[in-house]
Amino acid sequence: SNTMGWYRQAPGKQRELVAGITSTG
């Protein structure tokens, strides 16, 4: 029912969006 996502953060770097999926797919 919600937007879900995966983020990642490497040493010395900012957190970034890797992939996302909305409630409608």
mmCIF file of all heavy atoms, coordinates in Angstrom:
data_MODEL
# 
_entry.id   MODEL 
# 
loop_
_atom_site.group_PDB 
_atom_site.id 
_atom_site.type_symbol 
_atom_site.label_atom_id 
_atom_site.label_alt_id 
_atom_site.label_comp_id 
_atom_site.label_asym_id 
_atom_site.label_entity_id 
_atom_site.label_seq_id 
_atom_site.pdbx_PDB_ins_code 
_atom_site.Cartn_x 
_atom_site.Cartn_y 
_atom_site.Cartn_z 
_atom_site.occupancy 
_atom_site.B_iso_or_equiv 
_atom_site.pdbx_formal_charge 
_atom_site.auth_seq_id 
_atom_site.auth_comp_id 
_atom_site.auth_asym_id 
_atom_site.auth_atom_id 
_atom_site.pdbx_PDB_model_num 
ATOM 1   N N   . SER A 1 1  ? 0.814  -1.213 0.000   1.00 0.00 ? 1  SER A N   1 
ATOM 2   C CA  . SER A 1 1  ? 0.000  0.000  0.000   1.00 0.00 ? 1  SER A CA  1 
ATOM 3   C C   . SER A 1 1  ? 0.851  1.268  0.000   1.00 0.00 ? 1  SER A C   1 
ATOM 4   O O   . SER A 1 1  ? 0.305  2.375  -0.007  1.00 0.00 ? 1  SER A O   1 
ATOM 5   C CB  . SER A 1 1  ? -0.926 0.020  1.215   1.00 0.00 ? 1  SER A CB  1 
ATOM 6   O OG  . SER A 1 1  ? -1.833 -1.068 1.187   1.00 0.00 ? 1  SER A OG  1 
ATOM 7   N N   . ASN A 1 2  ? 2.155  1.102  -0.002  1.00 0.00 ? 2  ASN A N   1 
ATOM 8   C CA  . ASN A 1 2  ? 3.067  2.230  0.113   1.00 0.00 ? 2  ASN A CA  1 
ATOM 9   C C   . ASN A 1 2  ? 4.203  2.124  -0.897  1.00 0.00 ? 2  ASN A C   1 
ATOM 10  O O   . ASN A 1 2  ? 4.450  1.058  -1.459  1.00 0.00 ? 2  ASN A O   1 
ATOM 11  C CB  . ASN A 1 2  ? 3.654  2.296  1.521   1.00 0.00 ? 2  ASN A CB  1 
ATOM 12  C CG  . ASN A 1 2  ? 2.598  2.415  2.590   1.00 0.00 ? 2  ASN A CG  1 
ATOM 13  O OD1 . ASN A 1 2  ? 2.066  3.501  2.817   1.00 0.00 ? 2  ASN A OD1 1 
ATOM 14  N ND2 . ASN A 1 2  ? 2.284  1.302  3.249   1.00 0.00 ? 2  ASN A ND2 1 
ATOM 15  N N   . THR A 1 3  ? 4.873  3.241  -1.111  1.00 0.00 ? 3  THR A N   1 
ATOM 16  C CA  . THR A 1 3  ? 6.079  3.229  -1.913  1.00 0.00 ? 3  THR A CA  1 
ATOM 17  C C   . THR A 1 3  ? 7.226  2.680  -1.072  1.00 0.00 ? 3  THR A C   1 
ATOM 18  O O   . THR A 1 3  ? 7.480  3.156  0.033   1.00 0.00 ? 3  THR A O   1 
ATOM 19  C CB  . THR A 1 3  ? 6.413  4.639  -2.417  1.00 0.00 ? 3  THR A CB  1 
ATOM 20  O OG1 . THR A 1 3  ? 5.381  5.080  -3.298  1.00 0.00 ? 3  THR A OG1 1 
ATOM 21  C CG2 . THR A 1 3  ? 7.734  4.635  -3.165  1.00 0.00 ? 3  THR A CG2 1 
ATOM 22  N N   . MET A 1 4  ? 7.914  1.674  -1.600  1.00 0.00 ? 4  MET A N   1 
ATOM 23  C CA  . MET A 1 4  ? 9.030  1.045  -0.919  1.00 0.00 ? 4  MET A CA  1 
ATOM 24  C C   . MET A 1 4  ? 10.288 1.229  -1.759  1.00 0.00 ? 4  MET A C   1 
ATOM 25  O O   . MET A 1 4  ? 10.221 1.337  -2.986  1.00 0.00 ? 4  MET A O   1 
ATOM 26  C CB  . MET A 1 4  ? 8.777  -0.444 -0.709  1.00 0.00 ? 4  MET A CB  1 
ATOM 27  C CG  . MET A 1 4  ? 7.481  -0.770 0.017   1.00 0.00 ? 4  MET A CG  1 
ATOM 28  S SD  . MET A 1 4  ? 7.515  -0.285 1.770   1.00 0.00 ? 4  MET A SD  1 
ATOM 29  C CE  . MET A 1 4  ? 8.783  -1.392 2.389   1.00 0.00 ? 4  MET A CE  1 
ATOM 30  N N   . GLY A 1 5  ? 11.425 1.238  -1.094  1.00 0.00 ? 5  GLY A N   1 
ATOM 31  C CA  . GLY A 1 5  ? 12.661 1.413  -1.831  1.00 0.00 ? 5  GLY A CA  1 
ATOM 32  C C   . GLY A 1 5  ? 13.863 0.827  -1.134  1.00 0.00 ? 5  GLY A C   1 
ATOM 33  O O   . GLY A 1 5  ? 13.822 0.493  0.055   1.00 0.00 ? 5  GLY A O   1 
ATOM 34  N N   . TRP A 1 6  ? 14.916 0.680  -1.910  1.00 0.00 ? 6  TRP A N   1 
ATOM 35  C CA  . TRP A 1 6  ? 16.222 0.286  -1.398  1.00 0.00 ? 6  TRP A CA  1 
ATOM 36  C C   . TRP A 1 6  ? 17.202 1.422  -1.644  1.00 0.00 ? 6  TRP A C   1 
ATOM 37  O O   . TRP A 1 6  ? 17.291 1.951  -2.756  1.00 0.00 ? 6  TRP A O   1 
ATOM 38  C CB  . TRP A 1 6  ? 16.730 -0.987 -2.075  1.00 0.00 ? 6  TRP A CB  1 
ATOM 39  C CG  . TRP A 1 6  ? 16.023 -2.232 -1.644  1.00 0.00 ? 6  TRP A CG  1 
ATOM 40  C CD1 . TRP A 1 6  ? 14.974 -2.842 -2.250  1.00 0.00 ? 6  TRP A CD1 1 
ATOM 41  C CD2 . TRP A 1 6  ? 16.342 -3.026 -0.495  1.00 0.00 ? 6  TRP A CD2 1 
ATOM 42  N NE1 . TRP A 1 6  ? 14.607 -3.966 -1.562  1.00 0.00 ? 6  TRP A NE1 1 
ATOM 43  C CE2 . TRP A 1 6  ? 15.426 -4.113 -0.473  1.00 0.00 ? 6  TRP A CE2 1 
ATOM 44  C CE3 . TRP A 1 6  ? 17.295 -2.934 0.510   1.00 0.00 ? 6  TRP A CE3 1 
ATOM 45  C CZ2 . TRP A 1 6  ? 15.446 -5.094 0.514   1.00 0.00 ? 6  TRP A CZ2 1 
ATOM 46  C CZ3 . TRP A 1 6  ? 17.318 -3.906 1.500   1.00 0.00 ? 6  TRP A CZ3 1 
ATOM 47  C CH2 . TRP A 1 6  ? 16.398 -4.960 1.493   1.00 0.00 ? 6  TRP A CH2 1 
ATOM 48  N N   . TYR A 1 7  ? 17.919 1.791  -0.604  1.00 0.00 ? 7  TYR A N   1 
ATOM 49  C CA  . TYR A 1 7  ? 18.981 2.782  -0.677  1.00 0.00 ? 7  TYR A CA  1 
ATOM 50  C C   . TYR A 1 7  ? 20.287 2.123  -0.256  1.00 0.00 ? 7  TYR A C   1 
ATOM 51  O O   . TYR A 1 7  ? 20.290 1.070  0.381   1.00 0.00 ? 7  TYR A O   1 
ATOM 52  C CB  . TYR A 1 7  ? 18.691 3.966  0.248   1.00 0.00 ? 7  TYR A CB  1 
ATOM 53  C CG  . TYR A 1 7  ? 17.537 4.849  -0.184  1.00 0.00 ? 7  TYR A CG  1 
ATOM 54  C CD1 . TYR A 1 7  ? 16.220 4.410  -0.086  1.00 0.00 ? 7  TYR A CD1 1 
ATOM 55  C CD2 . TYR A 1 7  ? 17.769 6.130  -0.677  1.00 0.00 ? 7  TYR A CD2 1 
ATOM 56  C CE1 . TYR A 1 7  ? 15.162 5.217  -0.472  1.00 0.00 ? 7  TYR A CE1 1 
ATOM 57  C CE2 . TYR A 1 7  ? 16.712 6.951  -1.061  1.00 0.00 ? 7  TYR A CE2 1 
ATOM 58  C CZ  . TYR A 1 7  ? 15.416 6.480  -0.953  1.00 0.00 ? 7  TYR A CZ  1 
ATOM 59  O OH  . TYR A 1 7  ? 14.374 7.295  -1.338  1.00 0.00 ? 7  TYR A OH  1 
ATOM 60  N N   . ARG A 1 8  ? 21.390 2.749  -0.599  1.00 0.00 ? 8  ARG A N   1 
ATOM 61  C CA  . ARG A 1 8  ? 22.679 2.245  -0.149  1.00 0.00 ? 8  ARG A CA  1 
ATOM 62  C C   . ARG A 1 8  ? 23.599 3.405  0.191   1.00 0.00 ? 8  ARG A C   1 
ATOM 63  O O   . ARG A 1 8  ? 23.457 4.510  -0.324  1.00 0.00 ? 8  ARG A O   1 
ATOM 64  C CB  . ARG A 1 8  ? 23.329 1.341  -1.195  1.00 0.00 ? 8  ARG A CB  1 
ATOM 65  C CG  . ARG A 1 8  ? 23.772 2.049  -2.468  1.00 0.00 ? 8  ARG A CG  1 
ATOM 66  C CD  . ARG A 1 8  ? 24.274 1.042  -3.489  1.00 0.00 ? 8  ARG A CD  1 
ATOM 67  N NE  . ARG A 1 8  ? 24.714 1.677  -4.716  1.00 0.00 ? 8  ARG A NE  1 
ATOM 68  C CZ  . ARG A 1 8  ? 25.041 1.025  -5.825  1.00 0.00 ? 8  ARG A CZ  1 
ATOM 69  N NH1 . ARG A 1 8  ? 24.972 -0.317 -5.850  1.00 0.00 ? 8  ARG A NH1 1 
ATOM 70  N NH2 . ARG A 1 8  ? 25.448 1.680  -6.901  1.00 0.00 ? 8  ARG A NH2 1 
ATOM 71  N N   . GLN A 1 9  ? 24.540 3.123  1.076   1.00 0.00 ? 9  GLN A N   1 
ATOM 72  C CA  . GLN A 1 9  ? 25.517 4.116  1.480   1.00 0.00 ? 9  GLN A CA  1 
ATOM 73  C C   . GLN A 1 9  ? 26.882 3.451  1.610   1.00 0.00 ? 9  GLN A C   1 
ATOM 74  O O   . GLN A 1 9  ? 27.065 2.540  2.413   1.00 0.00 ? 9  GLN A O   1 
ATOM 75  C CB  . GLN A 1 9  ? 25.124 4.778  2.800   1.00 0.00 ? 9  GLN A CB  1 
ATOM 76  C CG  . GLN A 1 9  ? 26.026 5.932  3.192   1.00 0.00 ? 9  GLN A CG  1 
ATOM 77  C CD  . GLN A 1 9  ? 25.445 6.766  4.319   1.00 0.00 ? 9  GLN A CD  1 
ATOM 78  O OE1 . GLN A 1 9  ? 24.586 6.305  5.066   1.00 0.00 ? 9  GLN A OE1 1 
ATOM 79  N NE2 . GLN A 1 9  ? 25.908 7.991  4.440   1.00 0.00 ? 9  GLN A NE2 1 
ATOM 80  N N   . ALA A 1 10 ? 27.821 3.915  0.806   1.00 0.00 ? 10 ALA A N   1 
ATOM 81  C CA  . ALA A 1 10 ? 29.189 3.434  0.848   1.00 0.00 ? 10 ALA A CA  1 
ATOM 82  C C   . ALA A 1 10 ? 30.015 4.362  1.735   1.00 0.00 ? 10 ALA A C   1 
ATOM 83  O O   . ALA A 1 10 ? 29.652 5.529  1.937   1.00 0.00 ? 10 ALA A O   1 
ATOM 84  C CB  . ALA A 1 10 ? 29.780 3.380  -0.552  1.00 0.00 ? 10 ALA A CB  1 
ATOM 85  N N   . PRO A 1 11 ? 31.140 3.873  2.274   1.00 0.00 ? 11 PRO A N   1 
ATOM 86  C CA  . PRO A 1 11 ? 31.980 4.721  3.126   1.00 0.00 ? 11 PRO A CA  1 
ATOM 87  C C   . PRO A 1 11 ? 32.375 6.011  2.423   1.00 0.00 ? 11 PRO A C   1 
ATOM 88  O O   . PRO A 1 11 ? 32.834 5.995  1.281   1.00 0.00 ? 11 PRO A O   1 
ATOM 89  C CB  . PRO A 1 11 ? 33.198 3.834  3.397   1.00 0.00 ? 11 PRO A CB  1 
ATOM 90  C CG  . PRO A 1 11 ? 32.670 2.438  3.293   1.00 0.00 ? 11 PRO A CG  1 
ATOM 91  C CD  . PRO A 1 11 ? 31.667 2.503  2.182   1.00 0.00 ? 11 PRO A CD  1 
ATOM 92  N N   . GLY A 1 12 ? 32.189 7.136  3.105   1.00 0.00 ? 12 GLY A N   1 
ATOM 93  C CA  . GLY A 1 12 ? 32.561 8.426  2.558   1.00 0.00 ? 12 GLY A CA  1 
ATOM 94  C C   . GLY A 1 12 ? 31.605 8.991  1.529   1.00 0.00 ? 12 GLY A C   1 
ATOM 95  O O   . GLY A 1 12 ? 31.885 10.049 0.955   1.00 0.00 ? 12 GLY A O   1 
ATOM 96  N N   . LYS A 1 13 ? 30.496 8.321  1.276   1.00 0.00 ? 13 LYS A N   1 
ATOM 97  C CA  . LYS A 1 13 ? 29.534 8.782  0.285   1.00 0.00 ? 13 LYS A CA  1 
ATOM 98  C C   . LYS A 1 13 ? 28.159 8.985  0.912   1.00 0.00 ? 13 LYS A C   1 
ATOM 99  O O   . LYS A 1 13 ? 27.856 8.448  1.971   1.00 0.00 ? 13 LYS A O   1 
ATOM 100 C CB  . LYS A 1 13 ? 29.430 7.786  -0.870  1.00 0.00 ? 13 LYS A CB  1 
ATOM 101 C CG  . LYS A 1 13 ? 30.715 7.595  -1.654  1.00 0.00 ? 13 LYS A CG  1 
ATOM 102 C CD  . LYS A 1 13 ? 30.514 6.651  -2.821  1.00 0.00 ? 13 LYS A CD  1 
ATOM 103 C CE  . LYS A 1 13 ? 31.784 6.482  -3.626  1.00 0.00 ? 13 LYS A CE  1 
ATOM 104 N NZ  . LYS A 1 13 ? 31.581 5.545  -4.765  1.00 0.00 ? 13 LYS A NZ  1 
ATOM 105 N N   . GLN A 1 14 ? 27.326 9.771  0.222   1.00 0.00 ? 14 GLN A N   1 
ATOM 106 C CA  . GLN A 1 14 ? 25.964 10.005 0.682   1.00 0.00 ? 14 GLN A CA  1 
ATOM 107 C C   . GLN A 1 14 ? 25.073 8.817  0.337   1.00 0.00 ? 14 GLN A C   1 
ATOM 108 O O   . GLN A 1 14 ? 25.348 8.066  -0.594  1.00 0.00 ? 14 GLN A O   1 
ATOM 109 C CB  . GLN A 1 14 ? 25.397 11.278 0.054   1.00 0.00 ? 14 GLN A CB  1 
ATOM 110 C CG  . GLN A 1 14 ? 26.100 12.557 0.482   1.00 0.00 ? 14 GLN A CG  1 
ATOM 111 C CD  . GLN A 1 14 ? 25.419 13.792 -0.071  1.00 0.00 ? 14 GLN A CD  1 
ATOM 112 O OE1 . GLN A 1 14 ? 24.716 13.738 -1.077  1.00 0.00 ? 14 GLN A OE1 1 
ATOM 113 N NE2 . GLN A 1 14 ? 25.631 14.915 0.593   1.00 0.00 ? 14 GLN A NE2 1 
ATOM 114 N N   . ARG A 1 15 ? 24.010 8.668  1.107   1.00 0.00 ? 15 ARG A N   1 
ATOM 115 C CA  . ARG A 1 15 ? 23.046 7.621  0.825   1.00 0.00 ? 15 ARG A CA  1 
ATOM 116 C C   . ARG A 1 15 ? 22.338 7.925  -0.496  1.00 0.00 ? 15 ARG A C   1 
ATOM 117 O O   . ARG A 1 15 ? 21.937 9.059  -0.753  1.00 0.00 ? 15 ARG A O   1 
ATOM 118 C CB  . ARG A 1 15 ? 22.032 7.521  1.965   1.00 0.00 ? 15 ARG A CB  1 
ATOM 119 C CG  . ARG A 1 15 ? 21.080 6.343  1.853   1.00 0.00 ? 15 ARG A CG  1 
ATOM 120 C CD  . ARG A 1 15 ? 20.209 6.217  3.098   1.00 0.00 ? 15 ARG A CD  1 
ATOM 121 N NE  . ARG A 1 15 ? 21.013 5.980  4.294   1.00 0.00 ? 15 ARG A NE  1 
ATOM 122 C CZ  . ARG A 1 15 ? 20.506 5.742  5.496   1.00 0.00 ? 15 ARG A CZ  1 
ATOM 123 N NH1 . ARG A 1 15 ? 19.196 5.700  5.664   1.00 0.00 ? 15 ARG A NH1 1 
ATOM 124 N NH2 . ARG A 1 15 ? 21.306 5.547  6.534   1.00 0.00 ? 15 ARG A NH2 1 
ATOM 125 N N   . GLU A 1 16 ? 22.195 6.904  -1.340  1.00 0.00 ? 16 GLU A N   1 
ATOM 126 C CA  . GLU A 1 16 ? 21.580 7.082  -2.638  1.00 0.00 ? 16 GLU A CA  1 
ATOM 127 C C   . GLU A 1 16 ? 20.481 6.058  -2.878  1.00 0.00 ? 16 GLU A C   1 
ATOM 128 O O   . GLU A 1 16 ? 20.535 4.934  -2.375  1.00 0.00 ? 16 GLU A O   1 
ATOM 129 C CB  . GLU A 1 16 ? 22.624 6.971  -3.756  1.00 0.00 ? 16 GLU A CB  1 
ATOM 130 C CG  . GLU A 1 16 ? 23.276 5.597  -3.855  1.00 0.00 ? 16 GLU A CG  1 
ATOM 131 C CD  . GLU A 1 16 ? 24.210 5.458  -5.042  1.00 0.00 ? 16 GLU A CD  1 
ATOM 132 O OE1 . GLU A 1 16 ? 24.149 6.307  -5.960  1.00 0.00 ? 16 GLU A OE1 1 
ATOM 133 O OE2 . GLU A 1 16 ? 25.007 4.499  -5.059  1.00 0.00 ? 16 GLU A OE2 1 
ATOM 134 N N   . LEU A 1 17 ? 19.499 6.460  -3.661  1.00 0.00 ? 17 LEU A N   1 
ATOM 135 C CA  . LEU A 1 17 ? 18.422 5.553  -4.044  1.00 0.00 ? 17 LEU A CA  1 
ATOM 136 C C   . LEU A 1 17 ? 18.937 4.539  -5.046  1.00 0.00 ? 17 LEU A C   1 
ATOM 137 O O   . LEU A 1 17 ? 19.557 4.900  -6.044  1.00 0.00 ? 17 LEU A O   1 
ATOM 138 C CB  . LEU A 1 17 ? 17.257 6.334  -4.643  1.00 0.00 ? 17 LEU A CB  1 
ATOM 139 C CG  . LEU A 1 17 ? 16.108 5.494  -5.217  1.00 0.00 ? 17 LEU A CG  1 
ATOM 140 C CD1 . LEU A 1 17 ? 15.373 4.759  -4.098  1.00 0.00 ? 17 LEU A CD1 1 
ATOM 141 C CD2 . LEU A 1 17 ? 15.134 6.368  -5.999  1.00 0.00 ? 17 LEU A CD2 1 
ATOM 142 N N   . VAL A 1 18 ? 18.669 3.273  -4.790  1.00 0.00 ? 18 VAL A N   1 
ATOM 143 C CA  . VAL A 1 18 ? 19.041 2.193  -5.696  1.00 0.00 ? 18 VAL A CA  1 
ATOM 144 C C   . VAL A 1 18 ? 17.847 1.775  -6.549  1.00 0.00 ? 18 VAL A C   1 
ATOM 145 O O   . VAL A 1 18 ? 17.945 1.662  -7.768  1.00 0.00 ? 18 VAL A O   1 
ATOM 146 C CB  . VAL A 1 18 ? 19.588 0.980  -4.925  1.00 0.00 ? 18 VAL A CB  1 
ATOM 147 C CG1 . VAL A 1 18 ? 19.890 -0.178 -5.876  1.00 0.00 ? 18 VAL A CG1 1 
ATOM 148 C CG2 . VAL A 1 18 ? 20.837 1.377  -4.140  1.00 0.00 ? 18 VAL A CG2 1 
ATOM 149 N N   . ALA A 1 19 ? 16.716 1.518  -5.910  1.00 0.00 ? 19 ALA A N   1 
ATOM 150 C CA  . ALA A 1 19 ? 15.516 1.077  -6.607  1.00 0.00 ? 19 ALA A CA  1 
ATOM 151 C C   . ALA A 1 19 ? 14.293 1.394  -5.771  1.00 0.00 ? 19 ALA A C   1 
ATOM 152 O O   . ALA A 1 19 ? 14.352 1.396  -4.544  1.00 0.00 ? 19 ALA A O   1 
ATOM 153 C CB  . ALA A 1 19 ? 15.579 -0.426 -6.903  1.00 0.00 ? 19 ALA A CB  1 
ATOM 154 N N   . GLY A 1 20 ? 13.173 1.660  -6.440  1.00 0.00 ? 20 GLY A N   1 
ATOM 155 C CA  . GLY A 1 20 ? 11.924 1.933  -5.754  1.00 0.00 ? 20 GLY A CA  1 
ATOM 156 C C   . GLY A 1 20 ? 10.759 1.278  -6.464  1.00 0.00 ? 20 GLY A C   1 
ATOM 157 O O   . GLY A 1 20 ? 10.824 0.994  -7.661  1.00 0.00 ? 20 GLY A O   1 
ATOM 158 N N   . ILE A 1 21 ? 9.694  1.029  -5.717  1.00 0.00 ? 21 ILE A N   1 
ATOM 159 C CA  . ILE A 1 21 ? 8.480  0.462  -6.283  1.00 0.00 ? 21 ILE A CA  1 
ATOM 160 C C   . ILE A 1 21 ? 7.280  1.116  -5.613  1.00 0.00 ? 21 ILE A C   1 
ATOM 161 O O   . ILE A 1 21 ? 7.221  1.224  -4.389  1.00 0.00 ? 21 ILE A O   1 
ATOM 162 C CB  . ILE A 1 21 ? 8.453  -1.076 -6.130  1.00 0.00 ? 21 ILE A CB  1 
ATOM 163 C CG1 . ILE A 1 21 ? 7.210  -1.668 -6.807  1.00 0.00 ? 21 ILE A CG1 1 
ATOM 164 C CG2 . ILE A 1 21 ? 8.530  -1.489 -4.661  1.00 0.00 ? 21 ILE A CG2 1 
ATOM 165 C CD1 . ILE A 1 21 ? 7.272  -3.184 -6.956  1.00 0.00 ? 21 ILE A CD1 1 
ATOM 166 N N   . THR A 1 22 ? 6.326  1.591  -6.415  1.00 0.00 ? 22 THR A N   1 
ATOM 167 C CA  . THR A 1 22 ? 5.148  2.263  -5.883  1.00 0.00 ? 22 THR A CA  1 
ATOM 168 C C   . THR A 1 22 ? 4.066  1.257  -5.539  1.00 0.00 ? 22 THR A C   1 
ATOM 169 O O   . THR A 1 22 ? 4.170  0.064  -5.823  1.00 0.00 ? 22 THR A O   1 
ATOM 170 C CB  . THR A 1 22 ? 4.587  3.276  -6.885  1.00 0.00 ? 22 THR A CB  1 
ATOM 171 O OG1 . THR A 1 22 ? 3.982  2.574  -7.981  1.00 0.00 ? 22 THR A OG1 1 
ATOM 172 C CG2 . THR A 1 22 ? 5.678  4.192  -7.415  1.00 0.00 ? 22 THR A CG2 1 
ATOM 173 N N   . SER A 1 23 ? 2.981  1.756  -4.929  1.00 0.00 ? 23 SER A N   1 
ATOM 174 C CA  . SER A 1 23 ? 1.863  0.897  -4.562  1.00 0.00 ? 23 SER A CA  1 
ATOM 175 C C   . SER A 1 23 ? 1.177  0.286  -5.776  1.00 0.00 ? 23 SER A C   1 
ATOM 176 O O   . SER A 1 23 ? 0.511  -0.747 -5.654  1.00 0.00 ? 23 SER A O   1 
ATOM 177 C CB  . SER A 1 23 ? 0.843  1.676  -3.731  1.00 0.00 ? 23 SER A CB  1 
ATOM 178 O OG  . SER A 1 23 ? 0.307  2.764  -4.460  1.00 0.00 ? 23 SER A OG  1 
ATOM 179 N N   . THR A 1 24 ? 1.348  0.910  -6.945  1.00 0.00 ? 24 THR A N   1 
ATOM 180 C CA  . THR A 1 24 ? 0.758  0.393  -8.173  1.00 0.00 ? 24 THR A CA  1 
ATOM 181 C C   . THR A 1 24 ? 1.726  -0.459 -8.981  1.00 0.00 ? 24 THR A C   1 
ATOM 182 O O   . THR A 1 24 ? 1.383  -0.912 -10.073 1.00 0.00 ? 24 THR A O   1 
ATOM 183 C CB  . THR A 1 24 ? 0.228  1.535  -9.048  1.00 0.00 ? 24 THR A CB  1 
ATOM 184 O OG1 . THR A 1 24 ? 1.274  2.450  -9.347  1.00 0.00 ? 24 THR A OG1 1 
ATOM 185 C CG2 . THR A 1 24 ? -0.888 2.279  -8.328  1.00 0.00 ? 24 THR A CG2 1 
ATOM 186 N N   . GLY A 1 25 ? 2.932  -0.681 -8.463  1.00 0.00 ? 25 GLY A N   1 
ATOM 187 C CA  . GLY A 1 25 ? 3.879  -1.553 -9.120  1.00 0.00 ? 25 GLY A CA  1 
ATOM 188 C C   . GLY A 1 25 ? 4.849  -0.880 -10.064 1.00 0.00 ? 25 GLY A C   1 
ATOM 189 O O   . GLY A 1 25 ? 5.617  -1.568 -10.751 1.00 0.00 ? 25 GLY A O   1 
# 
